[in-house]
Amino acid sequence: MPKGYMIVHVTVRNPEAYKEYVEKDTPILEGLGGRFIVRGGQSQLVEGDAHERHVVIEFPSYEAAVAAYNDPAYQEVMQIRLKNADSTFILVEGHEA
């Protein structure tokens, strides 16, 4: 079964308040089967437009990624991100090439 991924691109507007989101979303998403593969770190924009921060979270399946995004606990914590950052959030089914 192909894995599922959350791919998130974020520009944080309020770093102090955003810390609360990171502290709270991590145990929720990990508890729902997520594994953080990329979380911030150095990046270089080589084409197009992008946010400043990038996150990739792997799940056992696409369905698990969708369920994690829609989980009530995550939806509640997500409000912190929405109030303190601009983001693009993508759910993707992975396939090996």
C-alpha atoms as a PDB file:
ATOM      1  CA  MET A   1       0.000   0.000   0.000  1.00  0.00           C
ATOM      2  CA  PRO A   2       1.428   3.431  -0.920  1.00  0.00           C
ATOM      3  CA  LYS A   3       2.295   5.759   1.928  1.00  0.00           C
ATOM      4  CA  GLY A   4       0.595   9.087   2.450  1.00  0.00           C
ATOM      5  CA  TYR A   5       2.249  12.432   3.033  1.00  0.00           C
ATOM      6  CA  MET A   6       1.428  15.820   4.430  1.00  0.00           C
ATOM      7  CA  ILE A   7       3.505  18.425   2.619  1.00  0.00           C
ATOM      8  CA  VAL A   8       3.293  21.817   4.246  1.00  0.00           C
ATOM      9  CA  HIS A   9       4.890  25.098   3.195  1.00  0.00           C
ATOM     10  CA  VAL A  10       4.746  27.806   5.855  1.00  0.00           C
ATOM     11  CA  THR A  11       5.715  31.423   6.379  1.00  0.00           C
ATOM     12  CA  VAL A  12       5.477  32.136  10.093  1.00  0.00           C
ATOM     13  CA  ARG A  13       4.174  35.605  10.983  1.00  0.00           C
ATOM     14  CA  ASN A  14       4.274  35.239  14.777  1.00  0.00           C
ATOM     15  CA  PRO A  15       7.173  32.962  15.835  1.00  0.00           C
ATOM     16  CA  GLU A  16       6.389  33.026  19.567  1.00  0.00           C
ATOM     17  CA  ALA A  17       2.778  31.938  19.110  1.00  0.00           C
ATOM     18  CA  TYR A  18       3.736  29.413  16.392  1.00  0.00           C
ATOM     19  CA  LYS A  19       5.895  27.514  18.914  1.00  0.00           C
ATOM     20  CA  GLU A  20       2.696  26.425  20.646  1.00  0.00           C
ATOM     21  CA  TYR A  21       1.455  24.879  17.389  1.00  0.00           C
ATOM     22  CA  VAL A  22       4.680  22.894  16.952  1.00  0.00           C
ATOM     23  CA  GLU A  23       4.573  21.687  20.565  1.00  0.00           C
ATOM     24  CA  LYS A  24       0.962  20.541  20.251  1.00  0.00           C
ATOM     25  CA  ASP A  25       0.781  19.208  16.694  1.00  0.00           C
ATOM     26  CA  THR A  26       3.782  16.907  17.023  1.00  0.00           C
ATOM     27  CA  PRO A  27       2.349  14.429  19.560  1.00  0.00           C
ATOM     28  CA  ILE A  28      -1.041  14.459  17.837  1.00  0.00           C
ATOM     29  CA  LEU A  29       0.319  13.673  14.375  1.00  0.00           C
ATOM     30  CA  GLU A  30       2.860  11.155  15.656  1.00  0.00           C
ATOM     31  CA  GLY A  31       0.094   9.470  17.660  1.00  0.00           C
ATOM     32  CA  LEU A  32      -1.892   9.152  14.439  1.00  0.00           C
ATOM     33  CA  GLY A  33       0.976   7.352  12.690  1.00  0.00           C
ATOM     34  CA  GLY A  34       2.876  10.321  11.306  1.00  0.00           C
ATOM     35  CA  ARG A  35       6.650  10.465  11.048  1.00  0.00           C
ATOM     36  CA  PHE A  36       8.301  13.836  10.471  1.00  0.00           C
ATOM     37  CA  ILE A  37      10.748  13.510   7.581  1.00  0.00           C
ATOM     38  CA  VAL A  38      11.403  17.216   6.967  1.00  0.00           C
ATOM     39  CA  ARG A  39      10.728  19.960   9.491  1.00  0.00           C
ATOM     40  CA  GLY A  40      12.284  23.288   8.700  1.00  0.00           C
ATOM     41  CA  GLY A  41      15.990  23.254   8.018  1.00  0.00           C
ATOM     42  CA  GLN A  42      17.987  24.795   5.260  1.00  0.00           C
ATOM     43  CA  SER A  43      16.296  25.182   1.885  1.00  0.00           C
ATOM     44  CA  GLN A  44      16.941  26.988  -1.354  1.00  0.00           C
ATOM     45  CA  LEU A  45      14.285  28.266  -3.734  1.00  0.00           C
ATOM     46  CA  VAL A  46      15.500  27.505  -7.251  1.00  0.00           C
ATOM     47  CA  GLU A  47      12.261  28.059  -9.211  1.00  0.00           C
ATOM     48  CA  GLY A  48       8.897  29.707  -8.638  1.00  0.00           C
ATOM     49  CA  ASP A  49       7.497  31.063  -5.381  1.00  0.00           C
ATOM     50  CA  ALA A  50       7.638  29.433  -1.970  1.00  0.00           C
ATOM     51  CA  HIS A  51       7.042  29.900   1.716  1.00  0.00           C
ATOM     52  CA  GLU A  52       9.991  30.080   4.127  1.00  0.00           C
ATOM     53  CA  ARG A  53       9.560  26.766   5.974  1.00  0.00           C
ATOM     54  CA  HIS A  54       8.857  23.261   4.671  1.00  0.00           C
ATOM     55  CA  VAL A  55       7.506  20.183   6.451  1.00  0.00           C
ATOM     56  CA  VAL A  56       6.962  16.632   5.174  1.00  0.00           C
ATOM     57  CA  ILE A  57       5.178  14.084   7.367  1.00  0.00           C
ATOM     58  CA  GLU A  58       4.916  10.447   6.266  1.00  0.00           C
ATOM     59  CA  PHE A  59       1.922   8.246   7.138  1.00  0.00           C
ATOM     60  CA  PRO A  60       1.342   4.524   6.587  1.00  0.00           C
ATOM     61  CA  SER A  61      -1.216   5.329   3.857  1.00  0.00           C
ATOM     62  CA  TYR A  62      -2.928   8.201   2.068  1.00  0.00           C
ATOM     63  CA  GLU A  63      -6.083   7.416   4.028  1.00  0.00           C
ATOM     64  CA  ALA A  64      -4.135   7.733   7.298  1.00  0.00           C
ATOM     65  CA  ALA A  65      -2.815  11.160   6.227  1.00  0.00           C
ATOM     66  CA  VAL A  66      -6.333  12.346   5.358  1.00  0.00           C
ATOM     67  CA  ALA A  67      -7.698  10.981   8.644  1.00  0.00           C
ATOM     68  CA  ALA A  68      -4.920  12.720  10.610  1.00  0.00           C
ATOM     69  CA  TYR A  69      -5.649  16.056   8.944  1.00  0.00           C
ATOM     70  CA  ASN A  70      -9.358  15.684   9.726  1.00  0.00           C
ATOM     71  CA  ASP A  71      -8.805  14.430  13.283  1.00  0.00           C
ATOM     72  CA  PRO A  72     -10.676  16.712  15.729  1.00  0.00           C
ATOM     73  CA  ALA A  73      -7.621  17.172  17.970  1.00  0.00           C
ATOM     74  CA  TYR A  74      -5.495  18.246  14.999  1.00  0.00           C
ATOM     75  CA  GLN A  75      -8.242  20.503  13.632  1.00  0.00           C
ATOM     76  CA  GLU A  76      -8.314  22.318  16.974  1.00  0.00           C
ATOM     77  CA  VAL A  77      -4.525  22.802  17.118  1.00  0.00           C
ATOM     78  CA  MET A  78      -4.449  23.778  13.439  1.00  0.00           C
ATOM     79  CA  GLN A  79      -6.214  27.012  14.371  1.00  0.00           C
ATOM     80  CA  ILE A  80      -2.982  28.181  16.039  1.00  0.00           C
ATOM     81  CA  ARG A  81      -1.122  27.759  12.727  1.00  0.00           C
ATOM     82  CA  LEU A  82      -3.843  29.507  10.750  1.00  0.00           C
ATOM     83  CA  LYS A  83      -3.755  32.521  13.103  1.00  0.00           C
ATOM     84  CA  ASN A  84       0.032  32.855  13.142  1.00  0.00           C
ATOM     85  CA  ALA A  85       1.291  31.753   9.731  1.00  0.00           C
ATOM     86  CA  ASP A  86       0.496  31.647   6.036  1.00  0.00           C
ATOM     87  CA  SER A  87       0.641  28.133   4.655  1.00  0.00           C
ATOM     88  CA  THR A  88      -0.037  25.742   1.823  1.00  0.00           C
ATOM     89  CA  PHE A  89      -1.050  22.258   3.021  1.00  0.00           C
ATOM     90  CA  ILE A  90      -1.084  19.308   0.613  1.00  0.00           C
ATOM     91  CA  LEU A  91      -2.057  15.666   1.179  1.00  0.00           C
ATOM     92  CA  VAL A  92      -0.314  13.328  -1.269  1.00  0.00           C
ATOM     93  CA  GLU A  93      -0.353   9.612  -1.985  1.00  0.00           C
ATOM     94  CA  GLY A  94       3.207   8.445  -2.549  1.00  0.00           C
ATOM     95  CA  HIS A  95       4.294   6.065  -5.280  1.00  0.00           C
ATOM     96  CA  GLU A  96       7.754   4.775  -5.934  1.00  0.00           C
ATOM     97  CA  ALA A  97       9.134   5.642  -9.334  1.00  0.00           C
END
